[in-house]
Amino acid sequence: MPTVSSHVALTLARHIDHVFGVMGNGNAYFLDALERSTDVAFTAVRHEAGGVVAADAYHRASGRLAAATATYGAGFTNTLTALAEAVQAHVPLVLVVGDEPTSGPRPWDVDQIAMAAAVGARTYTVGRADAAATTVIAIEHALIYRVPVVLAIPYDVAALDAGELPATPEPKRPAAVTPAGEFAHATVRRIAEALAAARRPLLLAGRGAWLAGASDALGTLADATGALTASTALGRGVFPRSEFDLGVTGGFGAEGAMELVRQADVAVVFGASLNQFTMRFGDLFAPGTRVFQVDIAPTATHPHVGGYVRGDAAVVARELTRQVLGLDTEPTDWRVSVDVAAARAYEPGDGIAPDGRLDPRSVAARIGGLLPADRVVVSDGGHFIGWANMYWPVASPDRMMMVGTAFQSIGLGWPSVAGAALARPGSTVVLTTGDGGGLMALADLETAVRVAGGRGLAVVWNDAAYGAEVNLYGLKGLAREPMLIPEVDFAALAAGVGAEGVVVRTLEDLDRLASWAAEPEAARRFLVLDCHISGQVIAPYQREIIRVNS
């Protein structure tokens, strides 16, 4: 008989192709219906947080609606950090969970609706008569507002007969935002005039521009104006012409590139929130730079913005190009007069740091030269997050995902590999994680190895410490003992779940990555590089934070 759970599964299956999670009492009937009655694939993870993380990464790498599942009570509470990250990162995701029975809570039940609301996620609870319709409403909410939602199935309702599956409408999807009103159109004209008159124009784009499909439109605008381009950490690769691109801005940016950014007389920002890290705590642009912003937020998101247009990045970029060309001015020659490649180069490092451990800059540079070109990079949170962004460029924003940084969390790295690997079945998936976050997420090391197999590798930045805390608080004289971690053999841990582990104490030890990359995928195992790095080399973005907090 068609149950309430099967109505949820069958309706959701029309809009997704993958679910991640852990089975328990509260979602057993849902997963049974999913397995028996749909073509949706289910990937088991080893911790409920990992289910949400894997689904999050799946969306970031594919653009498709994400789905995860967990049981009630302890299973649900285990998802909360990952759920909060997905909220902060604006990930459309449906989390299907069990919940307390309609008769009231049992001793092991908690107020899941309140907990979800506390991290910014809305809950929709299905009933016997409305399970399919409620599922569509939840999907629609996730898509339109770009947030995760919780879809709850009460325990005593899950297996009830719900009758034949009713017809349901297609969920609404967000429409492109076009500038509206006389003031908005006047601001677009003002930006076009500023770009046409600029001697040193700069276009800066973030993940929002990529989600809007604005890459080609931004490239055309850059050519029409002669602008240099740059991106946020989550927008890397959004501009089509890399020869005129300065790379990542903010604390991850190369010093030479950031000096050129400060020379810009006009900067137009598309689909980027201009957070404190992108803005180098207010120092990204020079005081005389005219800064304009195009975004779908209600208002400008930084006080340095002098003109704001609420609109879809692709729509506004095309209109700006039309108006700039209509002004009949020649593009500036700024971008061909500077050495962009030299400006965006990073320091190669010293090989070995004064304490005898590896310089992480040298490790990152060496790995960057050995990684397969067709790669997706997933990052945990921690002091090390800059190394991949700085030294491992990717082809487009959906190939670099930082799961955890939106909520300032660590320990979400290993399950990210599974989501990215299934979203990008032809690419090599590269995890960058620290020893602290790596240990915190260790349950899903097995998931990463099982799902990615010979297409996956992980770089563990092993400094035997919580490096960010050492840099921010150890330098202030606080007790360092709570910031330290006994040195862990990640290579041995990897071997225990079927991966190949390599302890990296010298740059020559990275030769194994070169030979691994040259092997056929079927002949190799998931590779874990346990890199014993120095904690004395502080990442540039961390130096900025230290400066601001001193």
Protein backbone atom coordinates (compact mmCIF):
# COMPACT_ATOMS: atom_id res chain seq x y z
CA MET A 1 0.00 0.00 0.00
CA PRO A 2 1.20 3.55 -0.65
CA THR A 3 2.29 4.97 2.69
CA VAL A 4 2.86 8.54 3.83
CA SER A 5 6.60 7.89 3.58
CA SER A 6 6.26 6.60 0.02
CA HIS A 7 4.31 9.73 -0.94
CA VAL A 8 7.22 11.81 0.33
CA ALA A 9 9.79 9.63 -1.43
CA LEU A 10 7.97 9.46 -4.76
CA THR A 11 7.25 13.19 -4.85
CA LEU A 12 10.76 14.17 -3.87
CA ALA A 13 12.20 11.73 -6.42
CA ARG A 14 10.74 13.80 -9.27
CA HIS A 15 13.12 16.64 -8.41
CA ILE A 16 16.33 14.98 -7.18
CA ASP A 17 18.67 12.21 -8.25
CA HIS A 18 20.58 11.50 -5.04
CA VAL A 19 20.03 11.27 -1.27
CA PHE A 20 22.73 11.03 1.41
CA GLY A 21 22.24 9.99 5.01
CA VAL A 22 22.03 7.41 7.78
CA MET A 23 19.06 5.06 8.27
CA GLY A 24 17.26 4.89 11.59
CA ASN A 25 13.82 4.27 13.06
CA GLY A 26 12.41 7.59 11.92
CA ASN A 27 13.32 7.38 8.23
CA ALA A 28 13.28 3.61 7.61
CA TYR A 29 9.99 3.64 5.69
CA PHE A 30 11.11 6.64 3.63
CA LEU A 31 14.33 4.90 2.62
CA ASP A 32 12.47 1.66 1.89
CA ALA A 33 10.19 3.51 -0.52
CA LEU A 34 13.12 5.35 -2.05
CA GLU A 35 15.01 2.11 -2.70
CA ARG A 36 12.07 0.04 -3.93
CA SER A 37 10.06 2.56 -5.93
CA THR A 38 12.37 5.23 -7.39
CA ASP A 39 15.52 5.59 -9.46
CA VAL A 40 17.05 7.95 -6.90
CA ALA A 41 20.40 6.73 -5.62
CA PHE A 42 21.06 6.57 -1.88
CA THR A 43 24.57 6.87 -0.47
CA ALA A 44 25.04 5.87 3.16
CA VAL A 45 27.37 8.00 5.25
CA ARG A 46 28.65 7.15 8.74
CA HIS A 47 27.50 10.26 10.65
CA GLU A 48 24.29 12.21 10.21
CA ALA A 49 26.18 15.48 9.81
CA GLY A 50 27.99 13.83 6.91
CA GLY A 51 24.70 13.26 5.11
CA VAL A 52 23.90 16.97 5.06
CA VAL A 53 27.51 17.84 4.19
CA ALA A 54 27.64 15.39 1.29
CA ALA A 55 24.34 16.71 -0.05
CA ASP A 56 25.61 20.29 0.36
CA ALA A 57 28.76 19.49 -1.64
CA TYR A 58 26.68 17.65 -4.24
CA HIS A 59 24.68 20.82 -4.85
CA ARG A 60 27.73 23.07 -4.97
CA ALA A 61 29.39 20.83 -7.55
CA SER A 62 26.30 20.13 -9.68
CA GLY A 63 23.84 22.98 -9.10
CA ARG A 64 21.06 20.46 -8.48
CA LEU A 65 18.66 20.35 -5.54
CA ALA A 66 20.31 18.54 -2.63
CA ALA A 67 18.68 15.94 -0.39
CA ALA A 68 19.69 14.25 2.85
CA THR A 69 17.98 12.14 5.48
CA ALA A 70 18.32 11.28 9.16
CA THR A 71 16.22 9.80 11.92
CA TYR A 72 14.64 11.73 14.78
CA GLY A 73 16.16 12.85 18.09
CA ALA A 74 19.89 12.22 18.28
CA GLY A 75 20.06 11.60 14.54
CA PHE A 76 18.52 15.00 13.86
CA THR A 77 20.61 16.89 16.43
CA ASN A 78 23.74 15.44 14.82
CA THR A 79 22.87 17.32 11.62
CA LEU A 80 22.65 20.80 13.15
CA THR A 81 26.15 22.16 12.48
CA ALA A 82 26.03 20.98 8.88
CA LEU A 83 22.50 22.36 8.54
CA ALA A 84 23.64 25.74 9.86
CA GLU A 85 26.49 25.77 7.33
CA ALA A 86 24.06 25.06 4.48
CA VAL A 87 21.82 27.91 5.67
CA GLN A 88 24.71 30.36 5.80
CA ALA A 89 25.95 29.21 2.38
CA HIS A 90 22.48 29.50 0.75
CA VAL A 91 22.27 25.86 -0.32
CA PRO A 92 18.85 24.61 -1.51
CA LEU A 93 18.54 21.30 0.33
CA VAL A 94 15.72 19.10 1.63
CA LEU A 95 16.52 17.21 4.84
CA VAL A 96 13.99 14.41 5.36
CA VAL A 97 13.80 13.39 9.02
CA GLY A 98 11.70 11.39 11.39
CA ASP A 99 9.99 13.30 14.20
CA GLU A 100 8.05 12.74 17.40
CA PRO A 101 4.63 11.06 17.03
CA THR A 102 1.52 13.23 16.75
CA SER A 103 0.50 11.99 20.19
CA GLY A 104 3.35 13.94 21.75
CA PRO A 105 7.06 13.68 22.54
CA ARG A 106 8.69 10.60 24.02
CA PRO A 107 11.60 10.86 26.50
CA TRP A 108 14.16 10.82 23.66
CA ASP A 109 12.39 13.38 21.47
CA VAL A 110 13.40 17.04 21.24
CA ASP A 111 11.74 20.13 19.77
CA GLN A 112 13.17 19.68 16.29
CA ILE A 113 11.19 22.55 14.78
CA ALA A 114 12.67 24.98 17.30
CA MET A 115 16.17 23.62 16.80
CA ALA A 116 15.95 23.89 13.03
CA ALA A 117 14.58 27.41 13.33
CA ALA A 118 17.46 28.34 15.64
CA VAL A 119 19.95 27.73 12.79
CA GLY A 120 17.71 29.33 10.16
CA ALA A 121 15.93 26.33 8.61
CA ARG A 122 12.16 26.09 8.30
CA THR A 123 10.38 22.80 9.01
CA TYR A 124 7.45 21.37 7.06
CA THR A 125 5.64 18.45 8.75
CA VAL A 126 3.72 16.01 6.58
CA GLY A 127 0.38 14.44 7.45
CA ARG A 128 -1.63 11.49 6.18
CA ALA A 129 -3.65 13.57 3.71
CA ASP A 130 -1.08 16.12 2.52
CA ALA A 131 2.33 14.40 2.36
CA ALA A 132 2.84 14.92 -1.39
CA ALA A 133 1.62 18.52 -1.39
CA THR A 134 3.72 19.41 1.64
CA THR A 135 6.77 17.89 0.00
CA VAL A 136 6.29 20.13 -3.05
CA ILE A 137 5.91 23.18 -0.82
CA ALA A 138 9.17 22.30 0.97
CA ILE A 139 11.00 21.87 -2.34
CA GLU A 140 9.65 25.18 -3.59
CA HIS A 141 10.79 26.95 -0.44
CA ALA A 142 14.31 25.53 -0.78
CA LEU A 143 14.60 26.57 -4.43
CA ILE A 144 13.11 30.05 -4.23
CA TYR A 145 14.92 31.18 -1.08
CA ARG A 146 18.08 29.11 -1.65
CA VAL A 147 18.04 27.63 1.86
CA PRO A 148 17.79 24.16 3.37
CA VAL A 149 14.42 23.03 4.70
CA VAL A 150 13.52 20.19 7.05
CA LEU A 151 10.77 17.83 5.91
CA ALA A 152 9.52 15.95 8.98
CA ILE A 153 7.60 12.68 9.05
CA PRO A 154 6.00 12.01 12.48
CA TYR A 155 6.81 8.51 13.73
CA ASP A 156 3.20 7.32 14.01
CA VAL A 157 2.33 8.63 10.54
CA ALA A 158 5.26 7.23 8.54
CA ALA A 159 3.73 3.85 7.70
CA LEU A 160 0.05 4.86 7.42
CA ASP A 161 -1.85 4.14 4.22
CA ALA A 162 -2.07 7.40 2.27
CA GLY A 163 -3.90 6.13 -0.80
CA GLU A 164 -2.87 6.69 -4.40
CA LEU A 165 -0.21 9.31 -5.03
CA PRO A 166 -2.02 12.51 -6.02
CA ALA A 167 -0.98 14.78 -8.86
CA THR A 168 1.08 17.72 -7.63
CA PRO A 169 2.14 20.93 -9.39
CA GLU A 170 5.70 21.67 -10.36
CA PRO A 171 7.42 23.74 -7.66
CA LYS A 172 8.06 27.35 -8.57
CA ARG A 173 11.66 28.30 -9.26
CA PRO A 174 13.35 31.66 -8.71
CA ALA A 175 13.16 34.07 -11.63
CA ALA A 176 15.98 36.38 -12.66
CA VAL A 177 15.86 39.72 -10.85
CA THR A 178 15.82 42.67 -13.25
CA PRO A 179 16.54 46.25 -12.17
CA ALA A 180 13.23 47.98 -11.49
CA GLY A 181 12.39 51.64 -11.19
CA GLU A 182 13.81 54.91 -12.41
CA PHE A 183 16.49 55.07 -9.73
CA ALA A 184 17.84 51.59 -10.60
CA HIS A 185 17.97 52.35 -14.33
CA ALA A 186 19.72 55.66 -13.61
CA THR A 187 22.33 53.83 -11.53
CA VAL A 188 22.96 51.37 -14.35
CA ARG A 189 23.57 54.36 -16.68
CA ARG A 190 25.92 55.89 -14.12
CA ILE A 191 27.92 52.65 -13.87
CA ALA A 192 28.15 52.38 -17.67
CA GLU A 193 29.39 55.96 -17.93
CA ALA A 194 31.93 55.38 -15.16
CA LEU A 195 33.26 52.24 -16.86
CA ALA A 196 33.47 53.99 -20.25
CA ALA A 197 35.45 56.86 -18.74
CA ALA A 198 37.66 54.73 -16.48
CA ARG A 199 41.38 54.44 -17.13
CA ARG A 200 41.82 51.45 -14.80
CA PRO A 201 38.50 49.55 -14.58
CA LEU A 202 38.14 46.38 -12.52
CA LEU A 203 35.35 43.78 -12.50
CA LEU A 204 35.04 41.61 -9.38
CA ALA A 205 32.67 38.65 -9.28
CA GLY A 206 31.59 36.12 -6.66
CA ARG A 207 29.64 32.89 -6.46
CA GLY A 208 26.39 34.77 -7.02
CA ALA A 209 27.53 35.73 -10.51
CA TRP A 210 28.26 32.09 -11.29
CA LEU A 211 24.85 30.98 -10.01
CA ALA A 212 23.29 33.61 -12.27
CA GLY A 213 25.08 32.16 -15.30
CA ALA A 214 26.87 35.47 -15.84
CA SER A 215 30.29 34.18 -16.90
CA ASP A 216 30.01 34.94 -20.62
CA ALA A 217 28.23 38.25 -20.06
CA LEU A 218 30.94 39.37 -17.64
CA GLY A 219 33.64 38.33 -20.10
CA THR A 220 32.02 40.42 -22.82
CA LEU A 221 31.77 43.42 -20.49
CA ALA A 222 35.43 43.06 -19.52
CA ASP A 223 36.44 43.05 -23.19
CA ALA A 224 34.23 46.05 -23.96
CA THR A 225 35.85 48.12 -21.21
CA GLY A 226 39.38 46.68 -21.13
CA ALA A 227 38.91 45.83 -17.45
CA LEU A 228 41.07 43.59 -15.35
CA THR A 229 39.07 40.96 -13.54
CA ALA A 230 39.20 39.24 -10.15
CA SER A 231 37.00 36.97 -8.08
CA THR A 232 36.12 36.06 -4.54
CA ALA A 233 37.31 32.74 -3.10
CA LEU A 234 34.02 31.07 -4.08
CA GLY A 235 33.95 32.70 -7.52
CA ARG A 236 37.33 31.59 -8.78
CA GLY A 237 37.26 30.89 -12.53
CA VAL A 238 34.04 32.80 -13.23
CA PHE A 239 35.70 35.04 -15.85
CA PRO A 240 36.44 33.28 -19.14
CA ARG A 241 39.77 34.97 -19.96
CA SER A 242 42.37 33.95 -17.40
CA GLU A 243 45.14 36.02 -19.03
CA PHE A 244 43.51 39.19 -17.68
CA ASP A 245 42.36 37.75 -14.36
CA LEU A 246 44.09 38.63 -11.08
CA GLY A 247 42.74 35.58 -9.28
CA VAL A 248 41.26 35.61 -5.81
CA THR A 249 40.90 38.87 -3.89
CA GLY A 250 41.25 39.41 -0.17
CA GLY A 251 43.51 37.49 2.16
CA PHE A 252 43.95 34.67 -0.37
CA GLY A 253 45.10 37.10 -3.06
CA ALA A 254 48.68 37.51 -4.30
CA GLU A 255 50.28 40.74 -3.11
CA GLY A 256 51.09 41.91 -6.63
CA ALA A 257 47.51 41.32 -7.73
CA MET A 258 46.11 43.17 -4.73
CA GLU A 259 48.35 46.15 -5.53
CA LEU A 260 46.78 46.29 -8.99
CA VAL A 261 43.29 46.11 -7.46
CA ARG A 262 44.13 49.19 -5.38
CA GLN A 263 45.10 51.02 -8.58
CA ALA A 264 41.60 50.64 -10.03
CA ASP A 265 39.72 53.91 -10.44
CA VAL A 266 36.36 52.16 -11.02
CA ALA A 267 35.39 48.76 -9.62
CA VAL A 268 32.10 46.98 -10.32
CA VAL A 269 31.25 44.01 -8.10
CA PHE A 270 28.85 41.30 -9.29
CA GLY A 271 27.28 38.64 -7.06
CA ALA A 272 29.66 39.04 -4.12
CA SER A 273 28.71 40.02 -0.59
CA LEU A 274 32.00 41.86 0.03
CA ASN A 275 32.59 40.23 3.39
CA GLN A 276 35.47 41.24 5.63
CA PHE A 277 37.83 38.66 4.15
CA THR A 278 37.19 39.59 0.52
CA MET A 279 37.56 43.27 1.45
CA ARG A 280 40.79 42.73 3.40
CA PHE A 281 39.04 44.32 6.36
CA GLY A 282 38.37 47.47 4.34
CA ASP A 283 41.72 47.74 2.55
CA LEU A 284 40.92 46.01 -0.76
CA PHE A 285 40.16 49.21 -2.68
CA ALA A 286 41.98 52.52 -2.47
CA PRO A 287 40.04 55.46 -0.96
CA GLY A 288 39.65 57.06 -4.40
CA THR A 289 38.18 53.98 -6.12
CA ARG A 290 34.56 54.37 -7.19
CA VAL A 291 32.92 51.11 -6.11
CA PHE A 292 29.61 49.89 -7.55
CA GLN A 293 27.78 46.70 -6.62
CA VAL A 294 25.30 44.49 -8.48
CA ASP A 295 23.54 41.85 -6.38
CA ILE A 296 20.13 40.44 -5.51
CA ALA A 297 20.38 41.49 -1.85
CA PRO A 298 17.93 44.24 -0.86
CA THR A 299 20.69 46.84 -0.40
CA ALA A 300 24.44 47.29 -0.74
CA THR A 301 26.42 45.02 1.57
CA HIS A 302 29.47 47.20 2.28
CA PRO A 303 29.84 50.89 3.21
CA HIS A 304 32.46 51.44 0.49
CA VAL A 305 29.83 50.88 -2.20
CA GLY A 306 28.91 54.19 -3.85
CA GLY A 307 26.22 52.91 -6.20
CA TYR A 308 24.03 49.82 -5.93
CA VAL A 309 21.79 48.00 -8.41
CA ARG A 310 19.56 45.16 -7.29
CA GLY A 311 19.53 42.77 -10.19
CA ASP A 312 20.68 39.49 -11.64
CA ALA A 313 24.39 39.64 -12.52
CA ALA A 314 23.92 38.32 -16.07
CA VAL A 315 21.02 40.69 -16.83
CA VAL A 316 22.86 43.76 -15.56
CA ALA A 317 26.18 42.81 -17.17
CA ARG A 318 24.53 42.51 -20.58
CA GLU A 319 22.78 45.85 -20.15
CA LEU A 320 26.02 47.53 -19.07
CA THR A 321 27.79 46.14 -22.14
CA ARG A 322 25.05 47.49 -24.40
CA GLN A 323 25.26 50.94 -22.84
CA VAL A 324 29.08 51.05 -22.79
CA LEU A 325 29.23 50.15 -26.49
CA GLY A 326 26.58 52.80 -27.15
CA LEU A 327 28.84 55.46 -25.66
CA ASP A 328 31.29 54.80 -28.53
CA THR A 329 34.47 54.87 -26.47
CA GLU A 330 37.56 52.71 -26.88
CA PRO A 331 38.44 50.13 -24.23
CA THR A 332 41.29 51.16 -21.94
CA ASP A 333 44.65 49.46 -22.47
CA TRP A 334 45.31 48.98 -18.75
CA ARG A 335 45.04 45.21 -18.74
CA VAL A 336 47.52 44.78 -21.60
CA SER A 337 50.01 47.19 -20.04
CA VAL A 338 50.62 45.17 -16.86
CA ASP A 339 52.13 41.73 -16.24
CA VAL A 340 49.10 39.91 -14.88
CA ALA A 341 50.83 36.52 -14.61
CA ALA A 342 53.64 37.97 -12.49
CA ALA A 343 51.19 39.91 -10.32
CA ARG A 344 49.17 36.86 -9.36
CA ALA A 345 52.19 34.68 -8.52
CA TYR A 346 52.54 33.45 -4.94
CA GLU A 347 55.61 32.98 -2.81
CA PRO A 348 57.15 29.54 -3.40
CA GLY A 349 58.12 29.05 0.25
CA ASP A 350 61.42 27.94 1.75
CA GLY A 351 61.02 24.18 1.49
CA ILE A 352 61.81 23.52 5.14
CA ALA A 353 60.75 25.91 7.89
CA PRO A 354 63.08 26.89 10.77
CA ASP A 355 61.55 24.22 13.03
CA GLY A 356 62.55 21.49 10.56
CA ARG A 357 59.04 20.74 9.33
CA LEU A 358 57.77 21.42 5.83
CA ASP A 359 56.89 24.95 4.71
CA PRO A 360 53.19 24.66 3.72
CA ARG A 361 53.70 27.14 0.87
CA SER A 362 56.25 24.84 -0.74
CA VAL A 363 54.01 21.82 -0.20
CA ALA A 364 51.02 23.63 -1.72
CA ALA A 365 53.02 24.83 -4.72
CA ARG A 366 54.43 21.35 -5.38
CA ILE A 367 51.02 19.68 -5.07
CA GLY A 368 49.46 22.33 -7.33
CA GLY A 369 51.91 21.39 -10.05
CA LEU A 370 51.09 17.68 -9.77
CA LEU A 371 47.30 17.63 -9.47
CA PRO A 372 45.24 16.51 -12.48
CA ALA A 373 43.82 19.46 -14.43
CA ASP A 374 40.28 18.05 -14.26
CA ARG A 375 39.85 18.47 -10.53
CA VAL A 376 37.33 19.51 -7.93
CA VAL A 377 38.73 20.89 -4.67
CA VAL A 378 36.76 20.58 -1.45
CA SER A 379 37.96 22.32 1.69
CA ASP A 380 37.37 21.79 5.36
CA GLY A 381 37.78 24.77 7.70
CA GLY A 382 40.95 25.76 9.52
CA HIS A 383 44.16 27.78 9.26
CA PHE A 384 45.15 25.92 6.07
CA ILE A 385 42.17 27.08 3.95
CA GLY A 386 44.23 29.60 2.02
CA TRP A 387 46.76 27.16 0.59
CA ALA A 388 44.37 25.45 -1.84
CA ASN A 389 42.78 28.75 -2.91
CA MET A 390 46.18 30.30 -3.50
CA TYR A 391 48.10 27.48 -5.13
CA TRP A 392 45.49 25.16 -6.71
CA PRO A 393 43.48 27.15 -9.27
CA VAL A 394 40.29 25.56 -10.61
CA ALA A 395 38.45 25.97 -13.88
CA SER A 396 35.17 27.30 -12.48
CA PRO A 397 33.47 28.15 -9.16
CA ASP A 398 31.63 24.83 -9.00
CA ARG A 399 35.03 23.14 -8.72
CA MET A 400 36.11 24.91 -5.51
CA MET A 401 33.91 24.52 -2.47
CA MET A 402 34.65 25.54 1.09
CA VAL A 403 32.18 23.62 3.21
CA GLY A 404 32.31 25.01 6.73
CA THR A 405 33.67 28.50 6.23
CA ALA A 406 30.24 30.15 5.98
CA PHE A 407 29.47 29.03 9.55
CA GLN A 408 33.13 29.18 10.66
CA SER A 409 33.14 25.47 11.46
CA ILE A 410 35.67 22.67 11.04
CA GLY A 411 35.17 18.93 10.69
CA LEU A 412 33.02 18.81 7.53
CA GLY A 413 35.72 17.77 5.08
CA TRP A 414 35.62 14.00 4.60
CA PRO A 415 31.91 13.69 3.70
CA SER A 416 32.25 16.59 1.25
CA VAL A 417 34.35 14.27 -0.91
CA ALA A 418 31.43 11.89 -1.41
CA GLY A 419 29.02 14.59 -2.58
CA ALA A 420 31.53 16.16 -4.96
CA ALA A 421 32.63 12.80 -6.37
CA LEU A 422 29.07 11.76 -7.23
CA ALA A 423 28.26 15.16 -8.71
CA ARG A 424 31.41 15.10 -10.88
CA PRO A 425 31.95 11.46 -11.86
CA GLY A 426 34.73 12.23 -14.34
CA SER A 427 36.87 14.48 -12.16
CA THR A 428 39.52 13.96 -9.50
CA VAL A 429 38.24 15.15 -6.12
CA VAL A 430 40.85 16.72 -3.85
CA LEU A 431 40.17 17.32 -0.15
CA THR A 432 42.22 19.82 1.81
CA THR A 433 41.82 19.40 5.57
CA GLY A 434 43.66 19.95 8.81
CA ASP A 435 44.51 17.43 11.48
CA GLY A 436 41.92 18.92 13.84
CA GLY A 437 39.04 18.95 11.37
CA GLY A 438 40.22 15.68 9.88
CA LEU A 439 39.91 13.94 13.23
CA MET A 440 36.57 15.55 13.97
CA ALA A 441 35.06 14.16 10.76
CA LEU A 442 36.90 10.85 10.88
CA ALA A 443 33.72 8.74 10.74
CA ASP A 444 33.31 9.64 7.09
CA LEU A 445 36.88 8.95 6.04
CA GLU A 446 35.46 5.55 5.11
CA THR A 447 32.68 7.22 3.10
CA ALA A 448 35.15 9.32 1.12
CA VAL A 449 37.33 6.31 0.32
CA ARG A 450 34.36 4.09 -0.60
CA VAL A 451 32.66 6.63 -2.85
CA ALA A 452 35.58 8.39 -4.55
CA GLY A 453 37.92 5.42 -4.83
CA GLY A 454 40.82 6.03 -7.22
CA ARG A 455 39.41 9.42 -8.22
CA GLY A 456 39.96 10.86 -4.75
CA LEU A 457 42.83 12.16 -2.73
CA ALA A 458 43.17 14.09 0.50
CA VAL A 459 45.86 16.46 1.70
CA VAL A 460 46.02 16.59 5.49
CA TRP A 461 47.90 19.65 6.78
CA ASN A 462 49.27 18.05 9.92
CA ASP A 463 50.85 20.59 12.27
CA ALA A 464 49.84 18.81 15.50
CA ALA A 465 47.74 21.78 16.53
CA TYR A 466 44.61 23.83 15.98
CA GLY A 467 46.65 26.26 13.91
CA ALA A 468 44.18 29.15 13.74
CA GLU A 469 43.84 29.21 17.53
CA VAL A 470 47.61 29.09 17.99
CA ASN A 471 47.98 32.04 15.65
CA LEU A 472 45.16 34.13 17.08
CA TYR A 473 45.39 33.31 20.79
CA GLY A 474 48.70 31.58 21.40
CA LEU A 475 50.46 34.69 20.10
CA LYS A 476 48.52 36.70 22.69
CA GLY A 477 49.99 34.59 25.46
CA LEU A 478 47.04 32.32 26.18
CA ALA A 479 47.79 28.76 27.31
CA ARG A 480 48.82 26.75 24.27
CA GLU A 481 48.23 23.24 25.63
CA PRO A 482 44.49 23.15 24.73
CA MET A 483 45.45 24.23 21.20
CA LEU A 484 47.75 21.26 20.59
CA ILE A 485 46.95 17.81 19.14
CA PRO A 486 49.11 14.72 19.65
CA GLU A 487 50.59 13.97 16.25
CA VAL A 488 48.34 11.48 14.48
CA ASP A 489 49.35 9.05 11.73
CA PHE A 490 46.71 9.81 9.10
CA ALA A 491 48.47 7.54 6.62
CA ALA A 492 47.83 4.57 8.92
CA LEU A 493 44.21 5.63 9.53
CA ALA A 494 43.71 5.81 5.76
CA ALA A 495 45.13 2.33 5.26
CA GLY A 496 42.64 1.00 7.79
CA VAL A 497 39.71 1.83 5.49
CA GLY A 498 41.32 0.76 2.23
CA ALA A 499 43.11 3.92 1.12
CA GLU A 500 46.79 4.41 0.40
CA GLY A 501 48.50 6.63 2.96
CA VAL A 502 51.76 8.48 2.46
CA VAL A 503 53.59 10.32 5.24
CA VAL A 504 55.08 13.47 3.71
CA ARG A 505 58.10 14.84 5.59
CA THR A 506 60.09 16.04 2.56
CA LEU A 507 59.08 17.51 -0.78
CA GLU A 508 60.47 14.37 -2.42
CA ASP A 509 57.80 12.34 -0.63
CA LEU A 510 55.27 14.08 -2.88
CA ASP A 511 56.69 12.21 -5.86
CA ARG A 512 54.13 9.53 -5.02
CA LEU A 513 51.41 12.01 -6.06
CA ALA A 514 53.09 12.36 -9.45
CA SER A 515 53.16 8.61 -10.03
CA TRP A 516 49.63 8.19 -8.63
CA ALA A 517 48.27 10.81 -11.05
CA ALA A 518 49.96 8.98 -13.95
CA GLU A 519 48.35 5.64 -13.13
CA PRO A 520 45.01 4.51 -14.63
CA GLU A 521 42.16 5.30 -12.24
CA ALA A 522 41.19 1.64 -11.96
CA ALA A 523 44.68 0.73 -10.77
CA ARG A 524 44.92 3.17 -7.90
CA ARG A 525 43.36 3.66 -4.49
CA PHE A 526 42.18 6.78 -2.71
CA LEU A 527 45.37 8.61 -1.71
CA VAL A 528 45.91 10.36 1.62
CA LEU A 529 48.95 12.65 1.89
CA ASP A 530 49.76 13.16 5.56
CA CYS A 531 51.83 16.35 5.26
CA HIS A 532 53.85 17.20 8.37
CA ILE A 533 53.98 20.96 8.06
CA SER A 534 55.32 23.75 10.23
CA GLY A 535 52.96 25.75 12.34
CA GLN A 536 55.38 28.67 12.23
CA VAL A 537 54.42 29.69 8.68
CA ILE A 538 51.30 31.82 9.04
CA ALA A 539 48.97 32.19 6.07
CA PRO A 540 48.60 35.76 4.73
CA TYR A 541 44.88 35.92 5.49
CA GLN A 542 45.61 34.92 9.09
CA ARG A 543 48.21 37.67 9.35
CA GLU A 544 45.48 40.12 8.33
CA ILE A 545 43.18 38.78 11.05
CA ILE A 546 46.00 39.01 13.60
CA ARG A 547 46.65 42.60 12.55
CA VAL A 548 43.00 43.57 12.89
CA ASN A 549 42.65 41.86 16.28
CA SER A 550 45.88 43.19 17.73
